[in-house]
Amino acid sequence: MSDRLSIIVTSGSREKMQMAAMTTAVAAAGGSDVDLFVSMNALQYFRREGAPEAPAEGEVGQALEARHAPRFQDLFAQAVDLGSVKIYPCSMAMDVLSLGPGDLVPYLEKPTGLTKFLAELEGSYVLSF
């Protein structure tokens, strides 16, 4: 397996955000470098203030909340703390949502565009949520 994983996160559902966060945390704990590109409906959950709760798509999403599973936001932050995870907000989505870098959680990297993110995928496994 490659030591590098790239993840593109665009979904706004609790289940997909949770799976992306768990995948990121497990890969980082296993020694892989992980780059995430956060865009579309996923970007709103990285707001410093006023981030909405992700809606559940079904029974599993509802159970995650009912059983007080670790929040995906916390899993992403913990994965970044491990040092091998970088999360890049999509510059286009930031423009559409009228967000500046100061509006987002501090552990995100400098905003980047999809073209640049895709250009740097060589040698990486790519997942999309």
N, C-alpha and C. Protein backbone atom coordinates (compact mmCIF):
# COMPACT_ATOMS: atom_id res chain seq x y z
N MET A 1 0.84 -1.19 0.00
CA MET A 1 0.00 0.00 0.00
C MET A 1 0.88 1.24 0.00
N SER A 2 0.41 2.25 -0.67
CA SER A 2 1.11 3.54 -0.69
C SER A 2 1.14 4.14 0.70
N ASP A 3 2.16 4.92 0.98
CA ASP A 3 2.23 5.62 2.26
C ASP A 3 1.53 6.96 2.18
N ARG A 4 0.81 7.19 1.08
CA ARG A 4 0.13 8.47 0.89
C ARG A 4 -1.31 8.24 0.45
N LEU A 5 -2.21 8.95 1.13
CA LEU A 5 -3.63 8.85 0.84
C LEU A 5 -4.16 10.26 0.60
N SER A 6 -4.92 10.42 -0.46
CA SER A 6 -5.57 11.70 -0.75
C SER A 6 -7.07 11.48 -0.71
N ILE A 7 -7.77 12.37 0.00
CA ILE A 7 -9.20 12.24 0.18
C ILE A 7 -9.88 13.52 -0.27
N ILE A 8 -10.91 13.37 -1.08
CA ILE A 8 -11.73 14.50 -1.51
C ILE A 8 -13.07 14.36 -0.80
N VAL A 9 -13.41 15.38 -0.02
CA VAL A 9 -14.63 15.34 0.79
C VAL A 9 -15.57 16.44 0.31
N THR A 10 -16.73 16.04 -0.19
CA THR A 10 -17.71 17.03 -0.68
C THR A 10 -19.09 16.84 -0.06
N SER A 11 -19.34 15.73 0.59
CA SER A 11 -20.66 15.41 1.11
C SER A 11 -20.97 16.21 2.36
N GLY A 12 -22.24 16.46 2.56
CA GLY A 12 -22.68 17.12 3.77
C GLY A 12 -23.37 16.18 4.74
N SER A 13 -23.35 14.88 4.49
CA SER A 13 -24.05 13.95 5.37
C SER A 13 -23.16 13.51 6.53
N ARG A 14 -23.78 13.26 7.66
CA ARG A 14 -23.06 12.84 8.85
C ARG A 14 -22.30 11.55 8.61
N GLU A 15 -22.92 10.57 7.95
CA GLU A 15 -22.28 9.28 7.73
C GLU A 15 -21.01 9.41 6.88
N LYS A 16 -21.09 10.17 5.81
CA LYS A 16 -19.92 10.30 4.93
C LYS A 16 -18.82 11.13 5.59
N MET A 17 -19.19 12.16 6.31
CA MET A 17 -18.19 12.95 7.04
C MET A 17 -17.52 12.10 8.11
N GLN A 18 -18.30 11.28 8.81
CA GLN A 18 -17.75 10.41 9.85
C GLN A 18 -16.79 9.40 9.23
N MET A 19 -17.17 8.80 8.10
CA MET A 19 -16.31 7.81 7.46
C MET A 19 -15.02 8.44 6.95
N ALA A 20 -15.12 9.63 6.40
CA ALA A 20 -13.92 10.34 5.94
C ALA A 20 -12.99 10.63 7.11
N ALA A 21 -13.55 11.04 8.24
CA ALA A 21 -12.74 11.35 9.41
C ALA A 21 -12.11 10.10 10.00
N MET A 22 -12.87 9.01 10.07
CA MET A 22 -12.31 7.76 10.59
C MET A 22 -11.21 7.23 9.69
N THR A 23 -11.41 7.29 8.38
CA THR A 23 -10.40 6.85 7.42
C THR A 23 -9.13 7.67 7.58
N THR A 24 -9.29 8.98 7.71
CA THR A 24 -8.15 9.88 7.89
C THR A 24 -7.39 9.54 9.16
N ALA A 25 -8.10 9.39 10.27
CA ALA A 25 -7.46 9.12 11.55
C ALA A 25 -6.74 7.77 11.57
N VAL A 26 -7.37 6.75 11.02
CA VAL A 26 -6.75 5.42 11.00
C VAL A 26 -5.51 5.41 10.10
N ALA A 27 -5.61 6.04 8.93
CA ALA A 27 -4.45 6.10 8.02
C ALA A 27 -3.30 6.86 8.67
N ALA A 28 -3.60 7.98 9.31
CA ALA A 28 -2.56 8.77 9.97
C ALA A 28 -1.92 7.98 11.11
N ALA A 29 -2.74 7.30 11.90
CA ALA A 29 -2.22 6.50 13.02
C ALA A 29 -1.36 5.36 12.51
N GLY A 30 -1.65 4.88 11.30
CA GLY A 30 -0.87 3.81 10.69
C GLY A 30 0.38 4.28 9.98
N GLY A 31 0.64 5.57 10.02
CA GLY A 31 1.87 6.09 9.45
C GLY A 31 1.76 6.66 8.04
N SER A 32 0.57 6.73 7.49
CA SER A 32 0.41 7.29 6.15
C SER A 32 0.30 8.80 6.20
N ASP A 33 0.79 9.45 5.16
CA ASP A 33 0.56 10.87 4.96
C ASP A 33 -0.80 11.00 4.30
N VAL A 34 -1.61 11.94 4.79
CA VAL A 34 -2.97 12.10 4.27
C VAL A 34 -3.19 13.56 3.91
N ASP A 35 -3.68 13.78 2.69
CA ASP A 35 -4.08 15.11 2.24
C ASP A 35 -5.58 15.06 1.96
N LEU A 36 -6.30 16.01 2.55
CA LEU A 36 -7.73 16.12 2.30
C LEU A 36 -8.02 17.40 1.54
N PHE A 37 -8.96 17.32 0.63
CA PHE A 37 -9.47 18.49 -0.07
C PHE A 37 -10.93 18.58 0.30
N VAL A 38 -11.31 19.65 0.99
CA VAL A 38 -12.67 19.82 1.51
C VAL A 38 -13.40 20.87 0.68
N SER A 39 -14.51 20.47 0.07
CA SER A 39 -15.24 21.37 -0.81
C SER A 39 -16.74 21.15 -0.69
N MET A 40 -17.47 21.88 -1.48
CA MET A 40 -18.92 21.80 -1.60
C MET A 40 -19.60 21.77 -0.22
N ASN A 41 -20.50 20.84 0.01
CA ASN A 41 -21.28 20.81 1.24
C ASN A 41 -20.48 20.43 2.48
N ALA A 42 -19.29 19.91 2.32
CA ALA A 42 -18.47 19.53 3.47
C ALA A 42 -17.79 20.73 4.12
N LEU A 43 -17.52 21.78 3.36
CA LEU A 43 -16.74 22.90 3.87
C LEU A 43 -17.41 23.60 5.05
N GLN A 44 -18.71 23.66 5.07
CA GLN A 44 -19.43 24.37 6.13
C GLN A 44 -19.14 23.82 7.52
N TYR A 45 -18.75 22.56 7.63
CA TYR A 45 -18.49 21.95 8.93
C TYR A 45 -17.13 22.32 9.50
N PHE A 46 -16.36 23.07 8.74
CA PHE A 46 -15.04 23.50 9.19
C PHE A 46 -15.04 24.99 9.56
N ARG A 47 -16.22 25.55 9.72
CA ARG A 47 -16.31 26.95 10.17
C ARG A 47 -15.84 27.05 11.62
N ARG A 48 -15.14 28.12 11.90
CA ARG A 48 -14.67 28.36 13.26
C ARG A 48 -15.86 28.56 14.20
N GLU A 49 -16.87 29.29 13.75
CA GLU A 49 -18.07 29.55 14.54
C GLU A 49 -19.29 29.32 13.67
N GLY A 50 -20.34 28.82 14.27
CA GLY A 50 -21.60 28.66 13.55
C GLY A 50 -21.67 27.49 12.60
N ALA A 51 -20.79 26.50 12.77
CA ALA A 51 -20.86 25.32 11.91
C ALA A 51 -22.13 24.54 12.23
N PRO A 52 -22.89 24.18 11.21
CA PRO A 52 -24.13 23.43 11.46
C PRO A 52 -23.83 21.98 11.84
N GLU A 53 -24.83 21.30 12.35
CA GLU A 53 -24.73 19.86 12.58
C GLU A 53 -24.99 19.17 11.24
N ALA A 54 -24.23 18.14 10.96
CA ALA A 54 -24.43 17.39 9.71
C ALA A 54 -25.69 16.54 9.83
N PRO A 55 -26.55 16.59 8.82
CA PRO A 55 -27.76 15.77 8.88
C PRO A 55 -27.46 14.29 8.63
N ALA A 56 -28.18 13.44 9.31
CA ALA A 56 -28.06 12.00 9.11
C ALA A 56 -28.81 11.60 7.85
N GLU A 57 -28.22 10.68 7.09
CA GLU A 57 -28.90 10.13 5.92
C GLU A 57 -29.83 8.98 6.31
N GLY A 58 -29.49 8.32 7.39
CA GLY A 58 -30.27 7.15 7.77
C GLY A 58 -30.00 6.71 9.19
N GLU A 59 -30.27 5.45 9.44
CA GLU A 59 -30.21 4.89 10.78
C GLU A 59 -28.82 5.00 11.42
N VAL A 60 -27.78 4.74 10.66
CA VAL A 60 -26.43 4.80 11.22
C VAL A 60 -26.09 6.22 11.67
N GLY A 61 -26.43 7.20 10.87
CA GLY A 61 -26.17 8.58 11.24
C GLY A 61 -26.91 8.98 12.51
N GLN A 62 -28.13 8.53 12.64
CA GLN A 62 -28.90 8.80 13.85
C GLN A 62 -28.29 8.10 15.05
N ALA A 63 -27.81 6.87 14.85
CA ALA A 63 -27.20 6.11 15.94
C ALA A 63 -25.88 6.73 16.38
N LEU A 64 -25.13 7.30 15.44
CA LEU A 64 -23.88 7.97 15.80
C LEU A 64 -24.13 9.06 16.84
N GLU A 65 -25.16 9.82 16.60
CA GLU A 65 -25.49 10.90 17.53
C GLU A 65 -26.05 10.34 18.84
N ALA A 66 -26.96 9.39 18.76
CA ALA A 66 -27.60 8.83 19.95
C ALA A 66 -26.58 8.15 20.88
N ARG A 67 -25.56 7.55 20.29
CA ARG A 67 -24.56 6.83 21.10
C ARG A 67 -23.34 7.69 21.43
N HIS A 68 -23.43 8.95 21.09
CA HIS A 68 -22.36 9.90 21.40
C HIS A 68 -21.00 9.46 20.84
N ALA A 69 -21.01 9.01 19.59
CA ALA A 69 -19.76 8.65 18.92
C ALA A 69 -18.90 9.90 18.81
N PRO A 70 -17.58 9.73 18.74
CA PRO A 70 -16.72 10.92 18.58
C PRO A 70 -17.14 11.72 17.35
N ARG A 71 -17.22 13.02 17.50
CA ARG A 71 -17.63 13.88 16.39
C ARG A 71 -16.57 13.86 15.29
N PHE A 72 -17.02 13.89 14.05
CA PHE A 72 -16.06 13.87 12.94
C PHE A 72 -15.13 15.07 12.99
N GLN A 73 -15.62 16.22 13.44
CA GLN A 73 -14.77 17.40 13.56
C GLN A 73 -13.60 17.13 14.51
N ASP A 74 -13.88 16.44 15.61
CA ASP A 74 -12.83 16.12 16.58
C ASP A 74 -11.85 15.10 16.01
N LEU A 75 -12.34 14.13 15.26
CA LEU A 75 -11.45 13.14 14.63
C LEU A 75 -10.51 13.80 13.63
N PHE A 76 -11.04 14.73 12.83
CA PHE A 76 -10.17 15.45 11.89
C PHE A 76 -9.10 16.24 12.64
N ALA A 77 -9.49 16.95 13.69
CA ALA A 77 -8.53 17.75 14.46
C ALA A 77 -7.46 16.86 15.09
N GLN A 78 -7.86 15.73 15.64
CA GLN A 78 -6.90 14.80 16.25
C GLN A 78 -5.94 14.25 15.20
N ALA A 79 -6.46 13.95 14.01
CA ALA A 79 -5.60 13.43 12.94
C ALA A 79 -4.56 14.46 12.52
N VAL A 80 -4.97 15.71 12.44
CA VAL A 80 -4.01 16.78 12.11
C VAL A 80 -2.94 16.88 13.19
N ASP A 81 -3.32 16.71 14.44
CA ASP A 81 -2.37 16.77 15.55
C ASP A 81 -1.31 15.68 15.46
N LEU A 82 -1.63 14.57 14.79
CA LEU A 82 -0.63 13.51 14.62
C LEU A 82 0.52 13.95 13.72
N GLY A 83 0.28 14.99 12.92
CA GLY A 83 1.35 15.58 12.12
C GLY A 83 1.46 15.13 10.69
N SER A 84 0.74 14.11 10.29
CA SER A 84 0.87 13.62 8.92
C SER A 84 -0.36 13.91 8.06
N VAL A 85 -1.26 14.76 8.57
CA VAL A 85 -2.50 15.08 7.87
C VAL A 85 -2.54 16.57 7.56
N LYS A 86 -2.88 16.88 6.31
CA LYS A 86 -3.09 18.26 5.89
C LYS A 86 -4.46 18.36 5.25
N ILE A 87 -5.23 19.35 5.71
CA ILE A 87 -6.59 19.54 5.19
C ILE A 87 -6.64 20.88 4.47
N TYR A 88 -6.98 20.83 3.18
CA TYR A 88 -7.01 22.01 2.33
C TYR A 88 -8.44 22.41 2.01
N PRO A 89 -8.86 23.60 2.39
CA PRO A 89 -10.19 24.06 1.99
C PRO A 89 -10.17 24.48 0.52
N CYS A 90 -11.24 24.24 -0.16
CA CYS A 90 -11.39 24.59 -1.58
C CYS A 90 -11.59 26.10 -1.72
N SER A 91 -10.73 26.72 -2.48
CA SER A 91 -10.81 28.18 -2.65
C SER A 91 -12.10 28.60 -3.34
N MET A 92 -12.59 27.81 -4.30
CA MET A 92 -13.83 28.14 -4.99
C MET A 92 -15.02 28.08 -4.05
N ALA A 93 -15.11 27.02 -3.23
CA ALA A 93 -16.21 26.89 -2.28
C ALA A 93 -16.16 28.01 -1.25
N MET A 94 -14.96 28.41 -0.86
CA MET A 94 -14.84 29.53 0.07
C MET A 94 -15.41 30.80 -0.55
N ASP A 95 -15.10 31.04 -1.82
CA ASP A 95 -15.64 32.21 -2.51
C ASP A 95 -17.17 32.15 -2.58
N VAL A 96 -17.72 31.00 -2.94
CA VAL A 96 -19.17 30.85 -3.07
C VAL A 96 -19.86 31.08 -1.74
N LEU A 97 -19.24 30.62 -0.65
CA LEU A 97 -19.83 30.75 0.68
C LEU A 97 -19.41 32.05 1.38
N SER A 98 -18.65 32.89 0.67
CA SER A 98 -18.16 34.16 1.24
C SER A 98 -17.39 33.95 2.54
N LEU A 99 -16.50 32.95 2.53
CA LEU A 99 -15.68 32.65 3.70
C LEU A 99 -14.23 33.06 3.45
N GLY A 100 -13.61 33.60 4.47
CA GLY A 100 -12.18 33.88 4.43
C GLY A 100 -11.46 32.88 5.30
N PRO A 101 -10.13 32.81 5.21
CA PRO A 101 -9.37 31.87 6.03
C PRO A 101 -9.65 32.02 7.53
N GLY A 102 -9.91 33.22 8.00
CA GLY A 102 -10.20 33.45 9.41
C GLY A 102 -11.55 32.91 9.85
N ASP A 103 -12.41 32.57 8.90
CA ASP A 103 -13.72 32.01 9.22
C ASP A 103 -13.67 30.51 9.48
N LEU A 104 -12.53 29.91 9.16
CA LEU A 104 -12.41 28.45 9.25
C LEU A 104 -11.55 28.04 10.44
N VAL A 105 -11.69 26.78 10.86
CA VAL A 105 -10.92 26.28 12.00
C VAL A 105 -9.42 26.45 11.71
N PRO A 106 -8.65 26.73 12.74
CA PRO A 106 -7.24 27.10 12.51
C PRO A 106 -6.33 25.98 12.03
N TYR A 107 -6.75 24.73 12.14
CA TYR A 107 -5.85 23.65 11.72
C TYR A 107 -5.88 23.37 10.22
N LEU A 108 -6.68 24.12 9.45
CA LEU A 108 -6.69 23.95 8.00
C LEU A 108 -5.48 24.62 7.37
N GLU A 109 -5.08 24.08 6.25
CA GLU A 109 -3.98 24.65 5.47
C GLU A 109 -4.49 25.85 4.67
N LYS A 110 -3.61 26.48 3.95
CA LYS A 110 -3.96 27.58 3.06
C LYS A 110 -4.93 27.06 1.98
N PRO A 111 -5.98 27.82 1.66
CA PRO A 111 -6.92 27.37 0.62
C PRO A 111 -6.20 27.07 -0.70
N THR A 112 -6.74 26.09 -1.40
CA THR A 112 -6.18 25.73 -2.70
C THR A 112 -7.31 25.39 -3.66
N GLY A 113 -6.99 25.34 -4.92
CA GLY A 113 -7.97 24.99 -5.94
C GLY A 113 -7.92 23.51 -6.28
N LEU A 114 -8.99 23.04 -6.88
CA LEU A 114 -9.08 21.64 -7.26
C LEU A 114 -7.98 21.27 -8.26
N THR A 115 -7.70 22.15 -9.20
CA THR A 115 -6.67 21.85 -10.21
C THR A 115 -5.33 21.58 -9.56
N LYS A 116 -4.93 22.41 -8.62
CA LYS A 116 -3.66 22.22 -7.93
C LYS A 116 -3.67 20.94 -7.10
N PHE A 117 -4.77 20.68 -6.39
CA PHE A 117 -4.86 19.47 -5.58
C PHE A 117 -4.74 18.23 -6.46
N LEU A 118 -5.46 18.20 -7.57
CA LEU A 118 -5.41 17.04 -8.47
C LEU A 118 -4.04 16.86 -9.10
N ALA A 119 -3.34 17.96 -9.35
CA ALA A 119 -2.01 17.89 -9.97
C ALA A 119 -0.99 17.22 -9.06
N GLU A 120 -1.28 17.15 -7.77
CA GLU A 120 -0.32 16.59 -6.82
C GLU A 120 -0.72 15.21 -6.31
N LEU A 121 -1.57 14.51 -7.04
CA LEU A 121 -2.05 13.20 -6.59
C LEU A 121 -1.15 12.03 -6.98
N GLU A 122 -0.15 12.25 -7.80
CA GLU A 122 0.69 11.15 -8.28
C GLU A 122 1.26 10.34 -7.11
N GLY A 123 1.13 9.04 -7.20
CA GLY A 123 1.66 8.14 -6.18
C GLY A 123 0.78 8.01 -4.96
N SER A 124 -0.45 8.49 -5.06
CA SER A 124 -1.35 8.50 -3.92
C SER A 124 -2.59 7.67 -4.22
N TYR A 125 -3.09 6.98 -3.20
CA TYR A 125 -4.42 6.39 -3.29
C TYR A 125 -5.42 7.53 -3.11
N VAL A 126 -6.50 7.51 -3.89
CA VAL A 126 -7.48 8.60 -3.81
C VAL A 126 -8.85 8.02 -3.44
N LEU A 127 -9.45 8.63 -2.42
CA LEU A 127 -10.80 8.28 -2.01
C LEU A 127 -11.66 9.53 -2.07
N SER A 128 -12.96 9.32 -2.26
CA SER A 128 -13.88 10.45 -2.30
C SER A 128 -15.09 10.14 -1.43
N PHE A 129 -15.47 11.13 -0.62
CA PHE A 129 -16.64 11.00 0.25
C PHE A 129 -17.58 12.16 -0.01
